[in-house]
Amino acid sequence: MNQTPTTIDLRLFATLAKYRPQQEARQPIRRGMTVAQLMQALDIPASEVKLIFIDGVRAESDSPLQGGERVGLFPPVGGG
């Protein structure tokens, strides 16, 4: 099985931005890893992620990544 590293375009919004150590948006991944595995690798607690989008479409944390996707993670939003 080919475990060649590839990249995704990762965007961490609002309070999640603190988990991104550099300004670079390209994130290396292993083909087939899930969004949950990516979050774990970046030390992002699942409880801090409310919405996941892959290429502009709502996704779940068990969604697999192949490389080349645009992934956006959003925290819960408060207000009122």
N, C-alpha and C. Protein backbone atom coordinates (compact mmCIF):
# COMPACT_ATOMS: atom_id res chain seq x y z
N MET A 1 0.84 -1.18 0.00
CA MET A 1 0.00 0.00 0.00
C MET A 1 0.88 1.24 0.00
N ASN A 2 0.51 2.21 -0.81
CA ASN A 2 1.31 3.41 -0.95
C ASN A 2 0.96 4.41 0.15
N GLN A 3 1.93 4.76 0.98
CA GLN A 3 1.73 5.73 2.05
C GLN A 3 2.41 7.05 1.71
N THR A 4 2.46 7.38 0.41
CA THR A 4 3.09 8.61 -0.02
C THR A 4 2.41 9.82 0.61
N PRO A 5 3.17 10.69 1.25
CA PRO A 5 2.56 11.89 1.82
C PRO A 5 2.03 12.79 0.71
N THR A 6 0.97 13.47 1.00
CA THR A 6 0.38 14.44 0.10
C THR A 6 -0.09 15.60 0.96
N THR A 7 -0.73 16.59 0.37
CA THR A 7 -1.16 17.74 1.17
C THR A 7 -2.63 18.07 0.92
N ILE A 8 -3.18 18.81 1.88
CA ILE A 8 -4.51 19.40 1.75
C ILE A 8 -4.38 20.89 2.04
N ASP A 9 -5.37 21.65 1.66
CA ASP A 9 -5.46 23.07 2.00
C ASP A 9 -6.29 23.15 3.28
N LEU A 10 -5.64 23.36 4.41
CA LEU A 10 -6.31 23.34 5.71
C LEU A 10 -6.55 24.75 6.21
N ARG A 11 -7.80 25.02 6.59
CA ARG A 11 -8.17 26.32 7.16
C ARG A 11 -8.78 26.09 8.53
N LEU A 12 -8.19 26.73 9.53
CA LEU A 12 -8.68 26.65 10.91
C LEU A 12 -9.23 28.03 11.26
N PHE A 13 -10.52 28.09 11.57
CA PHE A 13 -11.18 29.38 11.76
C PHE A 13 -11.34 29.74 13.23
N ALA A 14 -11.37 31.05 13.46
CA ALA A 14 -11.62 31.65 14.78
C ALA A 14 -10.68 31.06 15.84
N THR A 15 -11.22 30.52 16.91
CA THR A 15 -10.39 30.05 18.03
C THR A 15 -9.54 28.84 17.67
N LEU A 16 -9.84 28.16 16.57
CA LEU A 16 -9.03 27.00 16.17
C LEU A 16 -7.70 27.41 15.54
N ALA A 17 -7.57 28.66 15.14
CA ALA A 17 -6.34 29.13 14.49
C ALA A 17 -5.11 28.93 15.37
N LYS A 18 -5.30 28.89 16.67
CA LYS A 18 -4.15 28.72 17.59
C LYS A 18 -3.47 27.36 17.42
N TYR A 19 -4.15 26.41 16.80
CA TYR A 19 -3.56 25.08 16.59
C TYR A 19 -2.71 25.02 15.33
N ARG A 20 -2.65 26.10 14.61
CA ARG A 20 -1.86 26.17 13.38
C ARG A 20 -0.59 26.94 13.69
N PRO A 21 0.55 26.27 13.83
CA PRO A 21 1.76 26.96 14.26
C PRO A 21 2.34 27.92 13.23
N GLN A 22 2.08 27.71 11.96
CA GLN A 22 2.61 28.60 10.93
C GLN A 22 1.47 29.10 10.06
N GLN A 23 1.75 30.09 9.24
CA GLN A 23 0.73 30.68 8.38
C GLN A 23 0.44 29.83 7.15
N GLU A 24 1.31 28.90 6.85
CA GLU A 24 1.16 28.03 5.68
C GLU A 24 -0.16 27.27 5.74
N ALA A 25 -0.92 27.28 4.64
CA ALA A 25 -2.22 26.61 4.60
C ALA A 25 -2.10 25.15 4.15
N ARG A 26 -1.00 24.79 3.51
CA ARG A 26 -0.83 23.41 3.04
C ARG A 26 -0.43 22.53 4.21
N GLN A 27 -1.17 21.44 4.40
CA GLN A 27 -0.92 20.52 5.51
C GLN A 27 -0.59 19.14 4.96
N PRO A 28 0.57 18.60 5.29
CA PRO A 28 0.87 17.23 4.85
C PRO A 28 -0.06 16.23 5.54
N ILE A 29 -0.51 15.23 4.79
CA ILE A 29 -1.34 14.16 5.34
C ILE A 29 -0.90 12.83 4.74
N ARG A 30 -1.42 11.75 5.33
CA ARG A 30 -1.29 10.41 4.73
C ARG A 30 -2.59 10.14 4.00
N ARG A 31 -2.50 9.72 2.76
CA ARG A 31 -3.70 9.37 2.00
C ARG A 31 -4.55 8.39 2.77
N GLY A 32 -5.85 8.66 2.88
CA GLY A 32 -6.77 7.78 3.57
C GLY A 32 -7.00 8.11 5.03
N MET A 33 -6.17 9.00 5.60
CA MET A 33 -6.41 9.36 7.00
C MET A 33 -7.72 10.13 7.10
N THR A 34 -8.37 10.03 8.24
CA THR A 34 -9.65 10.72 8.43
C THR A 34 -9.42 12.12 8.99
N VAL A 35 -10.46 12.91 8.95
CA VAL A 35 -10.38 14.25 9.55
C VAL A 35 -10.09 14.12 11.05
N ALA A 36 -10.69 13.14 11.71
CA ALA A 36 -10.43 12.92 13.14
C ALA A 36 -8.95 12.62 13.39
N GLN A 37 -8.34 11.81 12.53
CA GLN A 37 -6.91 11.51 12.68
C GLN A 37 -6.07 12.76 12.45
N LEU A 38 -6.46 13.59 11.51
CA LEU A 38 -5.77 14.85 11.26
C LEU A 38 -5.86 15.75 12.49
N MET A 39 -7.07 15.87 13.05
CA MET A 39 -7.25 16.68 14.25
C MET A 39 -6.39 16.16 15.40
N GLN A 40 -6.34 14.86 15.56
CA GLN A 40 -5.52 14.27 16.61
C GLN A 40 -4.04 14.58 16.39
N ALA A 41 -3.58 14.49 15.15
CA ALA A 41 -2.18 14.77 14.83
C ALA A 41 -1.82 16.23 15.12
N LEU A 42 -2.80 17.12 15.02
CA LEU A 42 -2.56 18.55 15.28
C LEU A 42 -2.93 18.95 16.70
N ASP A 43 -3.29 17.96 17.54
CA ASP A 43 -3.69 18.22 18.93
C ASP A 43 -4.90 19.14 19.04
N ILE A 44 -5.84 18.99 18.10
CA ILE A 44 -7.08 19.76 18.14
C ILE A 44 -8.14 18.90 18.82
N PRO A 45 -8.63 19.30 20.00
CA PRO A 45 -9.66 18.52 20.68
C PRO A 45 -10.95 18.47 19.86
N ALA A 46 -11.52 17.30 19.71
CA ALA A 46 -12.76 17.14 18.95
C ALA A 46 -13.87 18.02 19.51
N SER A 47 -13.84 18.25 20.82
CA SER A 47 -14.88 19.06 21.46
C SER A 47 -14.84 20.53 21.01
N GLU A 48 -13.72 20.95 20.41
CA GLU A 48 -13.59 22.33 19.96
C GLU A 48 -13.99 22.52 18.50
N VAL A 49 -14.31 21.42 17.81
CA VAL A 49 -14.69 21.51 16.39
C VAL A 49 -16.17 21.22 16.25
N LYS A 50 -16.90 22.18 15.72
CA LYS A 50 -18.35 22.03 15.55
C LYS A 50 -18.71 21.66 14.11
N LEU A 51 -18.04 22.30 13.14
CA LEU A 51 -18.35 22.07 11.73
C LEU A 51 -17.09 21.71 10.96
N ILE A 52 -17.25 20.77 10.03
CA ILE A 52 -16.17 20.35 9.15
C ILE A 52 -16.69 20.47 7.72
N PHE A 53 -15.91 21.12 6.87
CA PHE A 53 -16.24 21.21 5.45
C PHE A 53 -15.08 20.67 4.63
N ILE A 54 -15.39 19.86 3.65
CA ILE A 54 -14.39 19.37 2.70
C ILE A 54 -14.85 19.81 1.32
N ASP A 55 -14.03 20.62 0.67
CA ASP A 55 -14.37 21.19 -0.65
C ASP A 55 -15.74 21.85 -0.63
N GLY A 56 -16.04 22.56 0.46
CA GLY A 56 -17.27 23.32 0.57
C GLY A 56 -18.51 22.53 0.93
N VAL A 57 -18.35 21.24 1.21
CA VAL A 57 -19.48 20.38 1.55
C VAL A 57 -19.33 19.91 2.99
N ARG A 58 -20.41 19.99 3.76
CA ARG A 58 -20.40 19.55 5.17
C ARG A 58 -19.94 18.10 5.24
N ALA A 59 -19.06 17.81 6.18
CA ALA A 59 -18.50 16.46 6.33
C ALA A 59 -18.46 16.08 7.80
N GLU A 60 -18.14 14.82 8.05
CA GLU A 60 -18.02 14.30 9.42
C GLU A 60 -16.55 14.01 9.71
N SER A 61 -16.24 13.81 10.98
CA SER A 61 -14.85 13.58 11.38
C SER A 61 -14.30 12.25 10.87
N ASP A 62 -15.18 11.32 10.51
CA ASP A 62 -14.69 10.04 9.99
C ASP A 62 -14.51 10.05 8.47
N SER A 63 -14.64 11.23 7.86
CA SER A 63 -14.45 11.35 6.41
C SER A 63 -12.98 11.17 6.05
N PRO A 64 -12.68 10.30 5.07
CA PRO A 64 -11.28 10.09 4.67
C PRO A 64 -10.79 11.21 3.76
N LEU A 65 -9.49 11.45 3.82
CA LEU A 65 -8.84 12.46 2.98
C LEU A 65 -7.90 11.77 1.99
N GLN A 66 -7.88 12.25 0.76
CA GLN A 66 -7.02 11.64 -0.26
C GLN A 66 -5.89 12.57 -0.69
N GLY A 67 -6.02 13.84 -0.39
CA GLY A 67 -5.04 14.82 -0.81
C GLY A 67 -5.64 15.75 -1.85
N GLY A 68 -5.28 17.01 -1.77
CA GLY A 68 -5.79 18.00 -2.69
C GLY A 68 -7.08 18.67 -2.25
N GLU A 69 -7.70 18.16 -1.18
CA GLU A 69 -8.96 18.74 -0.71
C GLU A 69 -8.72 20.08 -0.01
N ARG A 70 -9.80 20.84 0.08
CA ARG A 70 -9.86 22.06 0.87
C ARG A 70 -10.65 21.71 2.12
N VAL A 71 -10.02 21.75 3.28
CA VAL A 71 -10.67 21.35 4.53
C VAL A 71 -10.78 22.56 5.45
N GLY A 72 -11.98 22.81 5.93
CA GLY A 72 -12.21 23.90 6.87
C GLY A 72 -12.78 23.37 8.17
N LEU A 73 -12.19 23.77 9.29
CA LEU A 73 -12.67 23.38 10.61
C LEU A 73 -13.15 24.64 11.34
N PHE A 74 -14.37 24.56 11.89
CA PHE A 74 -14.98 25.70 12.56
C PHE A 74 -15.35 25.33 13.99
N PRO A 75 -15.10 26.25 14.94
CA PRO A 75 -15.50 26.00 16.33
C PRO A 75 -16.98 26.33 16.52
N PRO A 76 -17.54 25.97 17.68
CA PRO A 76 -18.90 26.43 18.00
C PRO A 76 -18.89 27.96 18.04
N VAL A 77 -19.97 28.55 17.61
CA VAL A 77 -20.06 30.01 17.60
C VAL A 77 -21.08 30.44 18.64
N GLY A 78 -20.66 31.35 19.49
CA GLY A 78 -21.56 31.87 20.51
C GLY A 78 -22.05 33.24 20.12
N GLY A 79 -23.00 33.70 20.81
CA GLY A 79 -23.51 35.05 20.55
C GLY A 79 -24.94 35.16 21.01
N GLY A 80 -25.47 36.29 20.75
CA GLY A 80 -26.86 36.42 21.14
C GLY A 80 -27.30 37.79 21.36
